[in-house]
Amino acid sequence: MGKLIRCITSDGQVMATAIDSTDIVAKAEQIHTTSAVVTAALGRLLTATSMMGNMLKGKDDSITLKLSGNGPAGSLIAVSDFNGDVRGYVSNPIVELPLNSKGKLDVGGAVGKDGFLYVLKDLGLKEPYSGSVPLVSGEVAEDITAYYAISEQIPTVCALGVLVNPDLTVKAAGGYIVQLLPAASEEAIEKLENGIKDIKSVTQMLTEGKTPLDIIKEVLKNFEVEVLYEHDVFYRCNCSRQRVEQALISVGKEDLQSMADENKDTEIKCHFCDKVYNFTPQEIRKLI
């Protein structure tokens, strides 16, 4: 499980969310058997989506983020509920690239930069809210920041990190999103900028043993911080046989009849958790 915390400054000018998503990203790596750079890319997206999901207000709300940058990893998708429980998948889990110019995993190279970040919020209304922004770098955090600036006009600082061990397991993963509230003054902006100017990376802080609260206090060291809540978050898929049946029904009678006429079992695999659902020809005919 991951640990997520949400805080506000005592003066009511800055909101901050931080997460230790190490276990979440490790679970995703185990399910999808991703290469190191894809683990980092999908892990960053899962981390950001969990925090953004936790910002939703309704218990049935959900948010979907899709990165399509025309890179070798293909599309990356993450979905979170209002609690911050998240799931995701990537089109191409195995991508091998040289390290970037900073000697780090080349997430931007794997994702690509020629494309968009799509954000879909299902808030229980007739139509979901959707927004998109051109990718800035494909490194995910900068793209999240750009989304908030362009689509929601919220000044935002986002930092994300995933540290992968040589054996491809996940050593540390986490991130934070800090946003200025409408009442924020120029003084608050300056205090925030000074606070994050020389801050360590998220993964460095996590490997030093810092908690999400420690990270927020480091980011907002020039403010008094009040904790709103803290709770556990998980990599959690909500697939079920009933949901798969509904998905099969949605393809239409003609396609279902074709499946049944093949006279062999139909296998459906969940993209998010790799669970396999088998349907006999008789079961397909019942759906028809």
Protein backbone atom coordinates (compact mmCIF):
# COMPACT_ATOMS: atom_id res chain seq x y z
CA MET A 1 0.00 0.00 0.00
CA GLY A 2 1.03 3.61 -0.49
CA LYS A 3 0.81 6.48 1.96
CA LEU A 4 -0.89 9.72 0.91
CA ILE A 5 -1.23 12.93 2.88
CA ARG A 6 -3.02 16.22 2.16
CA CYS A 7 -2.14 19.46 3.90
CA ILE A 8 -2.93 23.15 3.83
CA THR A 9 -0.86 26.06 5.07
CA SER A 10 -2.17 27.77 8.21
CA ASP A 11 -2.70 30.99 6.27
CA GLY A 12 -4.97 29.15 3.78
CA GLN A 13 -2.88 30.11 0.75
CA VAL A 14 -1.29 26.82 -0.34
CA MET A 15 -2.61 23.25 -0.65
CA ALA A 16 -0.24 20.29 -0.87
CA THR A 17 -0.54 16.56 -1.46
CA ALA A 18 2.34 14.07 -1.17
CA ILE A 19 2.54 10.32 -1.62
CA ASP A 20 4.90 7.44 -1.08
CA SER A 21 3.80 5.25 -3.99
CA THR A 22 6.62 2.71 -3.80
CA ASP A 23 4.30 -0.25 -3.21
CA ILE A 24 1.87 0.89 -5.90
CA VAL A 25 4.57 1.18 -8.56
CA ALA A 26 6.13 -2.12 -7.44
CA LYS A 27 2.74 -3.82 -7.93
CA ALA A 28 2.43 -2.32 -11.42
CA GLU A 29 5.92 -3.58 -12.31
CA GLN A 30 5.04 -7.08 -11.10
CA ILE A 31 1.79 -7.16 -13.11
CA HIS A 32 3.11 -5.70 -16.35
CA THR A 33 6.79 -6.87 -16.12
CA THR A 34 7.97 -3.52 -17.39
CA SER A 35 11.52 -2.57 -18.31
CA ALA A 36 13.25 0.00 -16.08
CA VAL A 37 12.41 3.10 -18.11
CA VAL A 38 8.77 2.02 -18.58
CA THR A 39 8.48 1.32 -14.84
CA ALA A 40 9.65 4.89 -14.25
CA ALA A 41 7.23 6.35 -16.80
CA LEU A 42 4.16 4.36 -15.73
CA GLY A 43 5.12 4.80 -12.07
CA ARG A 44 5.22 8.57 -12.39
CA LEU A 45 1.83 8.59 -14.12
CA LEU A 46 0.28 6.31 -11.46
CA THR A 47 1.72 8.51 -8.71
CA ALA A 48 0.32 11.72 -10.20
CA THR A 49 -3.06 10.15 -10.98
CA SER A 50 -3.44 8.85 -7.41
CA MET A 51 -2.87 12.36 -6.02
CA MET A 52 -5.22 13.93 -8.58
CA GLY A 53 -7.88 11.31 -7.86
CA ASN A 54 -7.63 12.09 -4.18
CA MET A 55 -8.51 15.71 -4.98
CA LEU A 56 -11.94 14.65 -6.31
CA LYS A 57 -14.91 15.37 -4.06
CA GLY A 58 -17.53 12.70 -4.77
CA LYS A 59 -17.11 9.11 -3.59
CA ASP A 60 -18.11 7.82 -7.06
CA ASP A 61 -15.84 10.23 -8.95
CA SER A 62 -12.88 8.99 -10.97
CA ILE A 63 -10.11 10.44 -13.11
CA THR A 64 -8.26 8.98 -16.09
CA LEU A 65 -4.94 10.26 -17.40
CA LYS A 66 -3.59 9.19 -20.78
CA LEU A 67 -0.14 10.01 -22.12
CA SER A 68 0.18 9.70 -25.89
CA GLY A 69 3.54 10.99 -27.01
CA ASN A 70 4.34 8.76 -29.99
CA GLY A 71 7.32 7.30 -28.12
CA PRO A 72 8.29 3.60 -28.16
CA ALA A 73 6.31 2.91 -24.96
CA GLY A 74 3.07 3.77 -26.77
CA SER A 75 0.11 5.05 -24.76
CA LEU A 76 0.19 5.03 -20.96
CA ILE A 77 -3.07 5.13 -19.02
CA ALA A 78 -3.80 5.47 -15.30
CA VAL A 79 -7.18 5.58 -13.55
CA SER A 80 -7.85 6.63 -9.94
CA ASP A 81 -10.92 6.78 -7.74
CA PHE A 82 -11.63 9.58 -5.25
CA ASN A 83 -9.62 7.81 -2.55
CA GLY A 84 -6.46 7.70 -4.66
CA ASP A 85 -6.58 3.95 -5.36
CA VAL A 86 -5.11 3.63 -8.83
CA ARG A 87 -4.50 1.24 -11.69
CA GLY A 88 -2.77 1.56 -15.04
CA TYR A 89 -1.25 -0.03 -18.10
CA VAL A 90 1.11 0.71 -20.97
CA SER A 91 0.95 -0.38 -24.60
CA ASN A 92 4.57 -1.54 -24.81
CA PRO A 93 5.97 -2.63 -21.41
CA ILE A 94 9.47 -3.40 -22.69
CA VAL A 95 11.50 -0.46 -23.98
CA GLU A 96 15.30 -0.24 -23.78
CA LEU A 97 16.91 3.17 -24.16
CA PRO A 98 20.29 4.68 -23.23
CA LEU A 99 20.36 6.94 -20.17
CA ASN A 100 19.60 10.58 -20.86
CA SER A 101 22.10 13.45 -20.74
CA LYS A 102 21.73 13.64 -16.94
CA GLY A 103 22.58 9.94 -16.56
CA LYS A 104 18.98 9.06 -15.62
CA LEU A 105 16.31 6.83 -17.15
CA ASP A 106 15.06 8.53 -20.32
CA VAL A 107 11.35 8.71 -19.49
CA GLY A 108 10.80 11.51 -22.01
CA GLY A 109 12.39 9.38 -24.71
CA ALA A 110 10.17 6.40 -23.87
CA VAL A 111 6.96 8.45 -23.71
CA GLY A 112 7.82 10.82 -26.54
CA LYS A 113 7.09 14.54 -26.82
CA ASP A 114 4.97 14.68 -29.96
CA GLY A 115 1.52 14.24 -28.49
CA PHE A 116 -0.85 15.10 -25.67
CA LEU A 117 -1.74 14.52 -22.05
CA TYR A 118 -5.47 13.76 -21.86
CA VAL A 119 -7.41 14.13 -18.60
CA LEU A 120 -10.93 12.72 -18.20
CA LYS A 121 -12.90 13.34 -15.00
CA ASP A 122 -16.09 11.36 -14.38
CA LEU A 123 -17.91 13.45 -11.80
CA GLY A 124 -21.30 11.76 -12.06
CA LEU A 125 -22.64 14.35 -14.51
CA LYS A 126 -24.26 13.63 -17.89
CA GLU A 127 -20.95 14.14 -19.65
CA PRO A 128 -17.47 13.66 -18.17
CA TYR A 129 -15.12 16.63 -18.08
CA SER A 130 -12.25 16.27 -20.53
CA GLY A 131 -9.15 18.34 -21.15
CA SER A 132 -5.89 17.94 -23.00
CA VAL A 133 -2.59 19.76 -23.33
CA PRO A 134 0.36 19.26 -25.67
CA LEU A 135 3.20 17.41 -23.98
CA VAL A 136 5.97 19.64 -22.68
CA SER A 137 8.66 16.99 -22.21
CA GLY A 138 7.07 13.56 -21.75
CA GLU A 139 8.72 13.45 -18.32
CA VAL A 140 5.22 13.53 -16.76
CA ALA A 141 5.66 16.05 -13.89
CA GLU A 142 6.17 18.99 -16.25
CA ASP A 143 3.21 17.83 -18.30
CA ILE A 144 0.98 17.67 -15.20
CA THR A 145 2.08 21.20 -14.26
CA ALA A 146 1.25 22.40 -17.77
CA TYR A 147 -2.18 20.78 -17.64
CA TYR A 148 -3.10 22.61 -14.43
CA ALA A 149 -1.76 25.91 -15.77
CA ILE A 150 -3.52 25.72 -19.14
CA SER A 151 -6.72 23.73 -18.53
CA GLU A 152 -7.57 24.64 -14.95
CA GLN A 153 -5.62 27.90 -14.48
CA ILE A 154 -4.22 26.70 -11.15
CA PRO A 155 -0.57 27.61 -10.43
CA THR A 156 0.95 24.23 -9.58
CA VAL A 157 4.26 22.64 -8.67
CA CYS A 158 4.49 18.91 -9.39
CA ALA A 159 7.43 16.62 -8.66
CA LEU A 160 7.48 12.88 -9.34
CA GLY A 161 10.15 10.22 -9.03
CA VAL A 162 10.69 6.49 -9.44
CA LEU A 163 13.98 4.81 -8.52
CA VAL A 164 14.48 1.36 -10.08
CA ASN A 165 16.93 -1.22 -8.73
CA PRO A 166 19.36 -3.05 -11.04
CA ASP A 167 17.14 -6.17 -10.76
CA LEU A 168 14.21 -4.04 -12.06
CA THR A 169 12.37 -3.96 -8.73
CA VAL A 170 11.24 -0.58 -7.39
CA LYS A 171 13.39 0.98 -4.68
CA ALA A 172 11.38 4.16 -4.17
CA ALA A 173 8.55 6.06 -5.82
CA GLY A 174 6.54 9.10 -4.84
CA GLY A 175 5.70 12.68 -5.55
CA TYR A 176 3.97 15.86 -4.49
CA ILE A 177 1.57 18.39 -5.97
CA VAL A 178 1.52 21.87 -4.47
CA GLN A 179 -1.10 24.41 -5.57
CA LEU A 180 -1.71 28.05 -4.83
CA LEU A 181 -5.22 28.80 -3.62
CA PRO A 182 -7.15 31.83 -4.95
CA ALA A 183 -6.23 33.91 -1.88
CA ALA A 184 -2.48 33.43 -2.40
CA SER A 185 -0.44 36.63 -2.14
CA GLU A 186 2.76 37.59 -3.93
CA GLU A 187 4.54 37.02 -0.62
CA ALA A 188 3.23 33.44 -0.46
CA ILE A 189 4.37 32.79 -4.03
CA GLU A 190 7.85 34.08 -3.18
CA LYS A 191 8.00 31.94 -0.01
CA LEU A 192 7.01 28.85 -2.00
CA GLU A 193 9.55 29.55 -4.74
CA ASN A 194 12.32 30.02 -2.17
CA GLY A 195 11.30 26.82 -0.40
CA ILE A 196 11.59 24.58 -3.46
CA LYS A 197 14.59 26.28 -5.04
CA ASP A 198 17.21 23.81 -3.79
CA ILE A 199 15.02 20.94 -2.69
CA LYS A 200 16.23 17.34 -3.07
CA SER A 201 14.54 14.95 -5.47
CA VAL A 202 11.53 12.98 -4.24
CA THR A 203 13.33 9.64 -4.49
CA GLN A 204 16.35 10.98 -2.59
CA MET A 205 14.11 12.13 0.24
CA LEU A 206 12.27 8.80 0.30
CA THR A 207 15.48 6.76 0.36
CA GLU A 208 16.62 8.91 3.28
CA GLY A 209 13.56 7.66 5.15
CA LYS A 210 11.39 10.76 4.84
CA THR A 211 7.61 10.30 5.00
CA PRO A 212 5.09 12.14 2.80
CA LEU A 213 4.54 14.59 5.69
CA ASP A 214 8.29 15.17 5.95
CA ILE A 215 8.38 15.90 2.24
CA ILE A 216 5.56 18.44 2.47
CA LYS A 217 7.24 20.13 5.42
CA GLU A 218 10.43 20.31 3.35
CA VAL A 219 8.60 21.79 0.35
CA LEU A 220 6.63 24.22 2.53
CA LYS A 221 9.39 24.93 5.02
CA ASN A 222 8.58 28.64 4.93
CA PHE A 223 4.97 28.02 6.02
CA GLU A 224 3.11 26.57 8.97
CA VAL A 225 1.45 23.35 7.79
CA GLU A 226 -1.80 21.75 8.96
CA VAL A 227 -2.61 18.12 8.10
CA LEU A 228 -6.08 17.66 6.60
CA TYR A 229 -5.91 13.87 6.39
CA GLU A 230 -3.60 10.93 5.79
CA HIS A 231 -4.53 7.48 4.54
CA ASP A 232 -3.41 4.37 2.69
CA VAL A 233 -3.74 4.05 -1.08
CA PHE A 234 -3.41 0.94 -3.22
CA TYR A 235 -2.89 -0.35 -6.73
CA ARG A 236 -6.43 -1.62 -7.13
CA CYS A 237 -8.27 -2.96 -10.18
CA ASN A 238 -12.07 -2.98 -10.13
CA CYS A 239 -12.56 -5.56 -12.88
CA SER A 240 -15.07 -8.36 -12.36
CA ARG A 241 -16.76 -11.05 -14.43
CA GLN A 242 -19.94 -8.97 -14.46
CA ARG A 243 -18.07 -5.95 -15.87
CA VAL A 244 -16.46 -8.11 -18.56
CA GLU A 245 -19.89 -9.52 -19.47
CA GLN A 246 -21.21 -5.97 -19.90
CA ALA A 247 -18.23 -5.12 -22.09
CA LEU A 248 -18.86 -8.20 -24.25
CA ILE A 249 -22.55 -7.31 -24.59
CA SER A 250 -21.55 -3.84 -25.78
CA VAL A 251 -19.74 -5.27 -28.85
CA GLY A 252 -23.10 -6.31 -30.32
CA LYS A 253 -24.92 -9.50 -31.25
CA GLU A 254 -23.14 -9.99 -34.57
CA ASP A 255 -19.65 -10.10 -33.06
CA LEU A 256 -20.84 -12.25 -30.16
CA GLN A 257 -22.41 -14.71 -32.62
CA SER A 258 -19.07 -14.91 -34.45
CA MET A 259 -17.31 -15.76 -31.16
CA ALA A 260 -19.88 -18.45 -30.33
CA ASP A 261 -19.68 -19.95 -33.86
CA GLU A 262 -15.94 -20.52 -33.43
CA ASN A 263 -16.98 -23.19 -30.93
CA LYS A 264 -14.07 -22.52 -28.55
CA ASP A 265 -13.63 -20.59 -25.34
CA THR A 266 -13.23 -16.82 -25.57
CA GLU A 267 -10.47 -15.45 -23.35
CA ILE A 268 -10.64 -11.87 -22.10
CA LYS A 269 -7.68 -10.42 -20.21
CA CYS A 270 -7.92 -7.27 -18.08
CA HIS A 271 -5.43 -4.63 -19.21
CA PHE A 272 -4.95 -3.34 -15.69
CA CYS A 273 -4.35 -6.49 -13.65
CA ASP A 274 -3.84 -9.24 -16.25
CA LYS A 275 -6.65 -11.34 -14.75
CA VAL A 276 -8.10 -13.73 -17.35
CA TYR A 277 -11.82 -14.39 -17.81
CA ASN A 278 -12.90 -17.36 -19.93
CA PHE A 279 -16.30 -17.68 -21.61
CA THR A 280 -17.55 -20.88 -23.21
CA PRO A 281 -19.57 -20.75 -26.46
CA GLN A 282 -22.67 -21.55 -24.36
CA GLU A 283 -21.97 -18.56 -22.09
CA ILE A 284 -21.47 -16.29 -25.11
CA ARG A 285 -24.84 -17.44 -26.50
CA LYS A 286 -26.47 -16.56 -23.17
CA LEU A 287 -25.06 -13.02 -23.51
CA ILE A 288 -26.56 -12.83 -27.00
